[in-house]
Amino acid sequence: RTYIATPPDILAKVPPGGFWSLVWVVTCSVMGICLTGAVVGAMFPLGIKAIGLDPALMSSPLIATVSDVLGIVIYFTIIGLFF
């Protein structure tokens, strides 16, 4: 049995010669999204504390929502650079 790492129907949708561009898009997106999530998760509570409010106000759902929105923006920005 031969193992195929990428399903053929996905490869059919990638422009000719664009496989490695797709690899770099996914790699850069994951790195950017992880970095952004870490920075947002650390800076929001610190920013709230700096203005004199309770850092617990920056609840996990808000941080997760902002990280997800920024992740989508990062992904589409990077894919726009490569394709």
Protein backbone atom coordinates (compact mmCIF):
# COMPACT_ATOMS: atom_id res chain seq x y z
CA ARG A 1 0.00 0.00 0.00
CA THR A 2 1.34 3.39 -1.01
CA TYR A 3 0.96 6.26 1.43
CA ILE A 4 -0.04 9.55 -0.18
CA ALA A 5 0.65 12.55 2.06
CA THR A 6 -1.66 14.93 0.20
CA PRO A 7 -5.01 13.82 -1.21
CA PRO A 8 -5.11 14.08 -5.01
CA ASP A 9 -8.28 16.22 -4.99
CA ILE A 10 -6.48 18.90 -2.96
CA LEU A 11 -3.45 18.83 -5.25
CA ALA A 12 -5.75 19.23 -8.26
CA LYS A 13 -6.91 22.60 -6.88
CA VAL A 14 -3.38 23.94 -6.36
CA PRO A 15 -2.12 26.01 -9.32
CA PRO A 16 0.62 24.33 -11.37
CA GLY A 17 3.94 24.68 -9.59
CA GLY A 18 2.21 26.04 -6.49
CA PHE A 19 2.72 23.08 -4.16
CA TRP A 20 5.73 24.57 -2.37
CA SER A 21 4.03 27.95 -2.19
CA LEU A 22 1.15 26.24 -0.44
CA VAL A 23 3.59 24.57 1.96
CA TRP A 24 5.14 27.96 2.79
CA VAL A 25 1.73 29.59 3.21
CA VAL A 26 0.69 27.00 5.78
CA THR A 27 4.07 27.11 7.56
CA CYS A 28 4.22 30.90 7.79
CA SER A 29 0.55 31.14 8.76
CA VAL A 30 0.88 28.67 11.62
CA MET A 31 4.00 30.40 12.91
CA GLY A 32 2.40 33.85 12.67
CA ILE A 33 -0.86 32.75 14.27
CA CYS A 34 0.94 31.05 17.19
CA LEU A 35 3.14 34.08 17.76
CA THR A 36 0.19 36.47 17.58
CA GLY A 37 -1.87 34.34 19.97
CA ALA A 38 0.96 34.31 22.51
CA VAL A 39 1.49 38.06 22.27
CA VAL A 40 -2.22 38.89 22.47
CA GLY A 41 -2.71 36.48 25.38
CA ALA A 42 0.13 38.11 27.30
CA MET A 43 -0.42 41.76 26.41
CA PHE A 44 -4.17 42.16 26.89
CA PRO A 45 -4.14 41.47 30.65
CA LEU A 46 -1.00 43.60 31.07
CA GLY A 47 -2.63 46.45 29.16
CA ILE A 48 -5.77 46.27 31.28
CA LYS A 49 -3.67 46.27 34.46
CA ALA A 50 -1.69 49.30 33.19
CA ILE A 51 -4.87 51.37 32.91
CA GLY A 52 -5.89 50.40 36.44
CA LEU A 53 -8.57 47.80 35.80
CA ASP A 54 -8.80 44.19 36.92
CA PRO A 55 -6.78 41.92 34.55
CA ALA A 56 -9.41 39.21 35.04
CA LEU A 57 -11.65 41.31 32.79
CA MET A 58 -9.64 40.03 29.83
CA SER A 59 -11.36 36.67 29.82
CA SER A 60 -10.28 33.75 27.69
CA PRO A 61 -13.17 34.01 25.20
CA LEU A 62 -12.22 37.59 24.32
CA ILE A 63 -8.55 36.73 23.90
CA ALA A 64 -9.46 33.66 21.82
CA THR A 65 -11.79 35.70 19.61
CA VAL A 66 -9.20 38.39 18.95
CA SER A 67 -6.55 35.74 18.25
CA ASP A 68 -8.86 33.93 15.83
CA VAL A 69 -9.74 37.11 13.94
CA LEU A 70 -6.08 38.07 13.70
CA GLY A 71 -5.29 34.52 12.60
CA ILE A 72 -7.70 34.79 9.68
CA VAL A 73 -6.22 38.15 8.71
CA ILE A 74 -2.69 36.71 8.90
CA TYR A 75 -3.65 33.69 6.80
CA PHE A 76 -5.29 35.70 4.03
CA THR A 77 -2.47 38.23 4.02
CA ILE A 78 0.15 35.51 3.62
CA ILE A 79 -1.79 33.62 0.96
CA GLY A 80 -2.16 36.92 -0.93
CA LEU A 81 1.62 37.25 -0.96
CA PHE A 82 2.20 33.79 -2.42
CA PHE A 83 -0.68 33.42 -4.91
